N, C-alpha and C. Protein backbone atom coordinates (compact mmCIF):
# COMPACT_ATOMS: atom_id res chain seq x y z
N GLY A 1 0.81 -1.18 0.00
CA GLY A 1 0.00 0.00 0.00
C GLY A 1 0.86 1.25 0.00
N PHE A 2 0.19 2.39 -0.03
CA PHE A 2 0.90 3.67 -0.08
C PHE A 2 1.30 4.15 1.31
N LEU A 3 2.49 4.70 1.39
CA LEU A 3 3.00 5.43 2.54
C LEU A 3 3.81 6.60 1.99
N GLN A 4 4.13 7.54 2.84
CA GLN A 4 5.05 8.59 2.43
C GLN A 4 6.40 8.29 3.05
N LYS A 5 7.46 8.47 2.26
CA LYS A 5 8.83 8.18 2.68
C LYS A 5 9.65 9.46 2.61
N LYS A 6 10.45 9.65 3.63
CA LYS A 6 11.32 10.82 3.64
C LYS A 6 12.50 10.54 2.71
N GLU A 7 12.64 11.38 1.71
CA GLU A 7 13.73 11.25 0.75
C GLU A 7 14.94 12.00 1.30
N VAL A 8 16.09 11.39 1.20
CA VAL A 8 17.32 12.04 1.68
C VAL A 8 18.00 12.76 0.52
N GLY A 9 18.89 13.65 0.86
CA GLY A 9 19.65 14.34 -0.17
C GLY A 9 19.28 15.80 -0.33
N SER A 10 18.04 16.15 -0.03
CA SER A 10 17.66 17.55 -0.10
C SER A 10 17.66 18.13 1.31
N PHE A 11 17.76 19.44 1.43
CA PHE A 11 17.83 20.08 2.73
C PHE A 11 16.59 19.74 3.54
N GLY A 12 16.78 19.10 4.67
CA GLY A 12 15.66 18.74 5.53
C GLY A 12 14.89 17.52 5.07
N GLY A 13 15.12 17.07 3.87
CA GLY A 13 14.42 15.91 3.33
C GLY A 13 13.01 16.24 2.89
N ARG A 14 12.58 15.69 1.78
CA ARG A 14 11.22 15.87 1.29
C ARG A 14 10.47 14.55 1.45
N TRP A 15 9.18 14.64 1.61
CA TRP A 15 8.33 13.45 1.73
C TRP A 15 7.72 13.14 0.39
N LYS A 16 7.84 11.89 -0.05
CA LYS A 16 7.30 11.44 -1.34
C LYS A 16 6.37 10.26 -1.11
N LYS A 17 5.24 10.28 -1.80
CA LYS A 17 4.30 9.16 -1.74
C LYS A 17 4.86 8.02 -2.58
N ARG A 18 4.99 6.85 -1.95
CA ARG A 18 5.54 5.67 -2.62
C ARG A 18 4.66 4.46 -2.34
N TRP A 19 4.78 3.45 -3.19
CA TRP A 19 4.08 2.18 -3.04
C TRP A 19 5.01 1.20 -2.34
N PHE A 20 4.54 0.58 -1.25
CA PHE A 20 5.34 -0.35 -0.46
C PHE A 20 4.73 -1.73 -0.50
N GLN A 21 5.61 -2.73 -0.53
CA GLN A 21 5.15 -4.11 -0.53
C GLN A 21 6.06 -4.95 0.36
N LEU A 22 5.44 -5.65 1.31
CA LEU A 22 6.18 -6.56 2.19
C LEU A 22 6.42 -7.87 1.48
N ASP A 23 7.63 -8.37 1.60
CA ASP A 23 7.97 -9.68 1.07
C ASP A 23 8.32 -10.56 2.26
N TYR A 24 7.37 -11.42 2.64
CA TYR A 24 7.55 -12.26 3.82
C TYR A 24 8.67 -13.28 3.62
N ALA A 25 8.78 -13.84 2.42
CA ALA A 25 9.80 -14.86 2.16
C ALA A 25 11.20 -14.28 2.23
N GLU A 26 11.40 -13.10 1.67
CA GLU A 26 12.72 -12.46 1.64
C GLU A 26 12.96 -11.57 2.85
N GLN A 27 11.95 -11.38 3.69
CA GLN A 27 12.02 -10.55 4.89
C GLN A 27 12.52 -9.14 4.56
N CYS A 28 11.81 -8.49 3.63
CA CYS A 28 12.19 -7.14 3.25
C CYS A 28 10.94 -6.34 2.88
N LEU A 29 11.13 -5.03 2.83
CA LEU A 29 10.09 -4.10 2.42
C LEU A 29 10.58 -3.45 1.13
N SER A 30 9.84 -3.66 0.04
CA SER A 30 10.23 -3.11 -1.25
C SER A 30 9.47 -1.81 -1.49
N VAL A 31 10.18 -0.84 -2.07
CA VAL A 31 9.62 0.49 -2.32
C VAL A 31 9.61 0.74 -3.82
N PHE A 32 8.45 1.16 -4.33
CA PHE A 32 8.27 1.45 -5.75
C PHE A 32 7.74 2.86 -5.92
N LYS A 33 7.98 3.46 -7.08
CA LYS A 33 7.47 4.80 -7.33
C LYS A 33 5.95 4.81 -7.45
N LYS A 34 5.41 3.74 -8.06
CA LYS A 34 3.97 3.69 -8.31
C LYS A 34 3.43 2.31 -7.95
N GLU A 35 2.12 2.24 -7.74
CA GLU A 35 1.45 0.97 -7.48
C GLU A 35 1.56 0.08 -8.71
N GLY A 36 1.75 -1.22 -8.48
CA GLY A 36 1.74 -2.19 -9.56
C GLY A 36 3.04 -2.31 -10.32
N GLU A 37 4.13 -1.67 -9.86
CA GLU A 37 5.39 -1.72 -10.59
C GLU A 37 6.18 -3.00 -10.35
N LYS A 38 5.78 -3.80 -9.35
CA LYS A 38 6.57 -4.98 -9.00
C LYS A 38 6.78 -5.90 -10.21
N GLN A 39 5.75 -6.04 -11.02
CA GLN A 39 5.85 -6.94 -12.16
C GLN A 39 6.70 -6.32 -13.29
N GLN A 40 6.88 -5.00 -13.27
CA GLN A 40 7.52 -4.32 -14.39
C GLN A 40 8.99 -4.01 -14.15
N ILE A 41 9.33 -3.53 -12.95
CA ILE A 41 10.71 -3.10 -12.71
C ILE A 41 11.15 -3.52 -11.31
N THR A 42 12.42 -3.32 -11.06
CA THR A 42 12.93 -3.60 -9.73
C THR A 42 12.57 -2.43 -8.81
N PRO A 43 12.51 -2.66 -7.52
CA PRO A 43 12.17 -1.58 -6.59
C PRO A 43 13.24 -0.49 -6.57
N ILE A 44 12.84 0.72 -6.19
CA ILE A 44 13.81 1.81 -6.07
C ILE A 44 14.60 1.67 -4.77
N LEU A 45 14.05 0.89 -3.83
CA LEU A 45 14.71 0.64 -2.56
C LEU A 45 14.18 -0.65 -1.96
N THR A 46 15.06 -1.41 -1.36
CA THR A 46 14.67 -2.60 -0.61
C THR A 46 15.23 -2.46 0.79
N VAL A 47 14.34 -2.50 1.79
CA VAL A 47 14.73 -2.34 3.18
C VAL A 47 14.75 -3.72 3.83
N PRO A 48 15.93 -4.21 4.24
CA PRO A 48 15.98 -5.52 4.90
C PRO A 48 15.35 -5.45 6.28
N LEU A 49 14.49 -6.41 6.59
CA LEU A 49 13.78 -6.40 7.87
C LEU A 49 14.34 -7.39 8.88
N ARG A 50 15.14 -8.34 8.45
CA ARG A 50 15.70 -9.32 9.39
C ARG A 50 16.54 -8.60 10.44
N GLY A 51 16.14 -8.70 11.69
CA GLY A 51 16.86 -8.07 12.78
C GLY A 51 16.61 -6.58 12.93
N ALA A 52 15.71 -6.02 12.13
CA ALA A 52 15.43 -4.58 12.19
C ALA A 52 14.63 -4.23 13.44
N SER A 53 14.59 -2.95 13.75
CA SER A 53 13.76 -2.47 14.85
C SER A 53 12.89 -1.32 14.34
N LEU A 54 11.81 -1.06 15.07
CA LEU A 54 10.86 -0.01 14.71
C LEU A 54 10.80 1.04 15.80
N SER A 55 10.55 2.27 15.38
CA SER A 55 10.36 3.36 16.32
C SER A 55 9.13 4.15 15.87
N ILE A 56 8.28 4.50 16.83
CA ILE A 56 7.08 5.26 16.54
C ILE A 56 7.25 6.66 17.11
N SER A 57 6.93 7.66 16.29
CA SER A 57 7.06 9.05 16.73
C SER A 57 5.77 9.79 16.44
N ASP A 58 5.15 10.32 17.50
CA ASP A 58 3.93 11.11 17.32
C ASP A 58 4.23 12.60 17.30
N ILE A 59 5.46 12.97 17.59
CA ILE A 59 5.83 14.38 17.60
C ILE A 59 6.86 14.59 16.50
N ASP A 60 6.51 15.45 15.56
CA ASP A 60 7.37 15.68 14.42
C ASP A 60 7.24 17.13 13.99
N LYS A 61 8.34 17.80 13.81
CA LYS A 61 8.33 19.20 13.39
C LYS A 61 7.67 19.38 12.02
N SER A 62 7.72 18.34 11.18
CA SER A 62 7.14 18.45 9.85
C SER A 62 5.64 18.13 9.84
N LYS A 63 5.06 17.93 11.02
CA LYS A 63 3.63 17.67 11.19
C LYS A 63 3.18 16.35 10.56
N LYS A 64 4.07 15.41 10.48
CA LYS A 64 3.72 14.07 10.00
C LYS A 64 3.34 13.25 11.22
N ARG A 65 2.08 13.33 11.62
CA ARG A 65 1.63 12.79 12.90
C ARG A 65 1.77 11.28 13.03
N PHE A 66 1.58 10.55 11.97
CA PHE A 66 1.55 9.09 12.07
C PHE A 66 2.84 8.50 11.49
N ARG A 67 3.93 8.96 12.03
CA ARG A 67 5.26 8.61 11.54
C ARG A 67 5.80 7.38 12.26
N PHE A 68 6.61 6.61 11.54
CA PHE A 68 7.37 5.53 12.15
C PHE A 68 8.65 5.33 11.35
N THR A 69 9.64 4.72 11.98
CA THR A 69 10.95 4.56 11.36
C THR A 69 11.39 3.12 11.49
N ILE A 70 11.97 2.60 10.42
CA ILE A 70 12.56 1.26 10.42
C ILE A 70 14.07 1.43 10.49
N PHE A 71 14.69 0.76 11.47
CA PHE A 71 16.14 0.77 11.61
C PHE A 71 16.67 -0.61 11.26
N PRO A 72 17.22 -0.78 10.05
CA PRO A 72 17.76 -2.09 9.66
C PRO A 72 18.90 -2.52 10.57
N ALA A 73 19.03 -3.82 10.76
CA ALA A 73 20.10 -4.37 11.60
C ALA A 73 21.47 -4.04 11.00
N LEU A 74 21.55 -4.02 9.69
CA LEU A 74 22.81 -3.72 9.01
C LEU A 74 22.91 -2.21 8.79
N HIS A 75 22.90 -1.45 9.90
CA HIS A 75 22.84 0.00 9.81
C HIS A 75 24.05 0.62 9.13
N ASP A 76 25.15 -0.12 9.04
CA ASP A 76 26.31 0.43 8.34
C ASP A 76 26.13 0.36 6.82
N LEU A 77 25.27 -0.54 6.35
CA LEU A 77 25.01 -0.67 4.91
C LEU A 77 23.69 -0.03 4.48
N PHE A 78 22.72 0.02 5.38
CA PHE A 78 21.39 0.56 5.07
C PHE A 78 21.03 1.62 6.09
N LYS A 79 20.55 2.75 5.59
CA LYS A 79 20.12 3.83 6.49
C LYS A 79 18.72 3.56 6.99
N SER A 80 18.34 4.29 8.02
CA SER A 80 16.98 4.17 8.54
C SER A 80 15.99 4.64 7.47
N CYS A 81 14.77 4.18 7.59
CA CYS A 81 13.72 4.49 6.63
C CYS A 81 12.58 5.18 7.37
N ASP A 82 12.44 6.50 7.17
CA ASP A 82 11.39 7.28 7.82
C ASP A 82 10.13 7.25 6.96
N LEU A 83 9.01 6.86 7.59
CA LEU A 83 7.74 6.71 6.87
C LEU A 83 6.62 7.37 7.65
N PHE A 84 5.54 7.72 6.94
CA PHE A 84 4.35 8.11 7.66
C PHE A 84 3.11 7.69 6.89
N ALA A 85 2.09 7.37 7.65
CA ALA A 85 0.80 6.94 7.11
C ALA A 85 -0.20 8.09 7.24
N GLU A 86 -1.30 7.97 6.53
CA GLU A 86 -2.33 9.01 6.56
C GLU A 86 -3.13 8.99 7.86
N THR A 87 -3.25 7.80 8.49
CA THR A 87 -4.03 7.67 9.72
C THR A 87 -3.26 6.80 10.71
N ASP A 88 -3.66 6.90 11.98
CA ASP A 88 -3.03 6.06 12.99
C ASP A 88 -3.38 4.60 12.74
N GLU A 89 -4.59 4.32 12.30
CA GLU A 89 -4.99 2.93 12.01
C GLU A 89 -4.12 2.33 10.91
N GLU A 90 -3.87 3.11 9.87
CA GLU A 90 -3.02 2.63 8.78
C GLU A 90 -1.60 2.39 9.28
N ARG A 91 -1.08 3.28 10.12
CA ARG A 91 0.26 3.10 10.68
C ARG A 91 0.31 1.82 11.51
N GLN A 92 -0.70 1.60 12.36
CA GLN A 92 -0.73 0.40 13.19
C GLN A 92 -0.80 -0.87 12.34
N ASP A 93 -1.54 -0.83 11.23
CA ASP A 93 -1.61 -1.98 10.33
C ASP A 93 -0.24 -2.30 9.74
N TRP A 94 0.49 -1.26 9.31
CA TRP A 94 1.83 -1.47 8.76
C TRP A 94 2.78 -2.02 9.82
N ILE A 95 2.73 -1.44 11.00
CA ILE A 95 3.62 -1.89 12.08
C ILE A 95 3.34 -3.35 12.43
N LYS A 96 2.07 -3.70 12.52
CA LYS A 96 1.71 -5.09 12.82
C LYS A 96 2.23 -6.04 11.73
N ALA A 97 2.07 -5.65 10.47
CA ALA A 97 2.53 -6.49 9.36
C ALA A 97 4.06 -6.62 9.37
N ILE A 98 4.77 -5.53 9.62
CA ILE A 98 6.22 -5.57 9.67
C ILE A 98 6.69 -6.42 10.85
N GLU A 99 6.03 -6.28 11.99
CA GLU A 99 6.40 -7.10 13.15
C GLU A 99 6.19 -8.58 12.89
N GLU A 100 5.19 -8.94 12.10
CA GLU A 100 4.99 -10.35 11.73
C GLU A 100 6.18 -10.87 10.94
N VAL A 101 6.72 -10.04 10.05
CA VAL A 101 7.91 -10.43 9.30
C VAL A 101 9.10 -10.57 10.25
N LEU A 102 9.21 -9.66 11.21
CA LEU A 102 10.34 -9.67 12.14
C LEU A 102 10.35 -10.91 13.03
N ILE A 103 9.17 -11.37 13.48
CA ILE A 103 9.14 -12.52 14.40
C ILE A 103 8.99 -13.85 13.69
N LYS A 104 8.70 -13.85 12.40
CA LYS A 104 8.49 -15.10 11.67
C LYS A 104 9.67 -16.07 11.79
N PRO A 105 10.92 -15.63 11.58
CA PRO A 105 12.02 -16.60 11.66
C PRO A 105 12.18 -17.19 13.05
N ILE A 106 11.93 -16.41 14.09
CA ILE A 106 12.05 -16.91 15.45
C ILE A 106 11.01 -17.99 15.70
N THR A 107 9.77 -17.71 15.32
CA THR A 107 8.69 -18.67 15.49
C THR A 107 8.98 -19.95 14.73
N THR A 108 9.45 -19.83 13.49
CA THR A 108 9.74 -21.00 12.67
C THR A 108 10.84 -21.84 13.31
N ARG A 109 11.90 -21.20 13.79
CA ARG A 109 13.00 -21.94 14.41
C ARG A 109 12.55 -22.65 15.68
N GLN A 110 11.72 -22.02 16.48
CA GLN A 110 11.24 -22.63 17.72
C GLN A 110 10.41 -23.87 17.42
N VAL A 111 9.54 -23.77 16.42
CA VAL A 111 8.70 -24.90 16.06
C VAL A 111 9.55 -26.05 15.52
N GLU A 112 10.51 -25.72 14.64
CA GLU A 112 11.37 -26.76 14.09
C GLU A 112 12.20 -27.41 15.18
N GLY A 113 12.70 -26.61 16.12
CA GLY A 113 13.52 -27.12 17.21
C GLY A 113 12.73 -28.05 18.12
N GLU A 114 11.47 -27.76 18.35
CA GLU A 114 10.64 -28.60 19.22
C GLU A 114 10.33 -29.95 18.55
N GLN A 115 10.20 -29.95 17.22
CA GLN A 115 9.85 -31.18 16.54
C GLN A 115 11.07 -32.08 16.33
N GLY A 116 12.25 -31.48 16.23
CA GLY A 116 13.44 -32.25 15.88
C GLY A 116 14.20 -32.65 17.06
């Protein structure tokens, strides 16, 4: 679905509306310029979620009330990803979905370990 992402490189950063898609198998969040581009081109950014952490911020000078940030585990190779949703409900839905990707490998390993 759509979120706004803070673009780096310009003074203070600009917010751009982008299409995001979670990939549960690859444990990443892919970013596209437009909806439906996955079949046509590669993403403009792929954020690795394995070992990542999330931060929620309700106070923002840019008035982006429903903001959250993903901090990849490989912070030396990947920068944080600042995002905001149009509503708190939408933000909570994204956070819940991302957290499912984050805990999936742990759950899978525990189940496999108990059976083996």
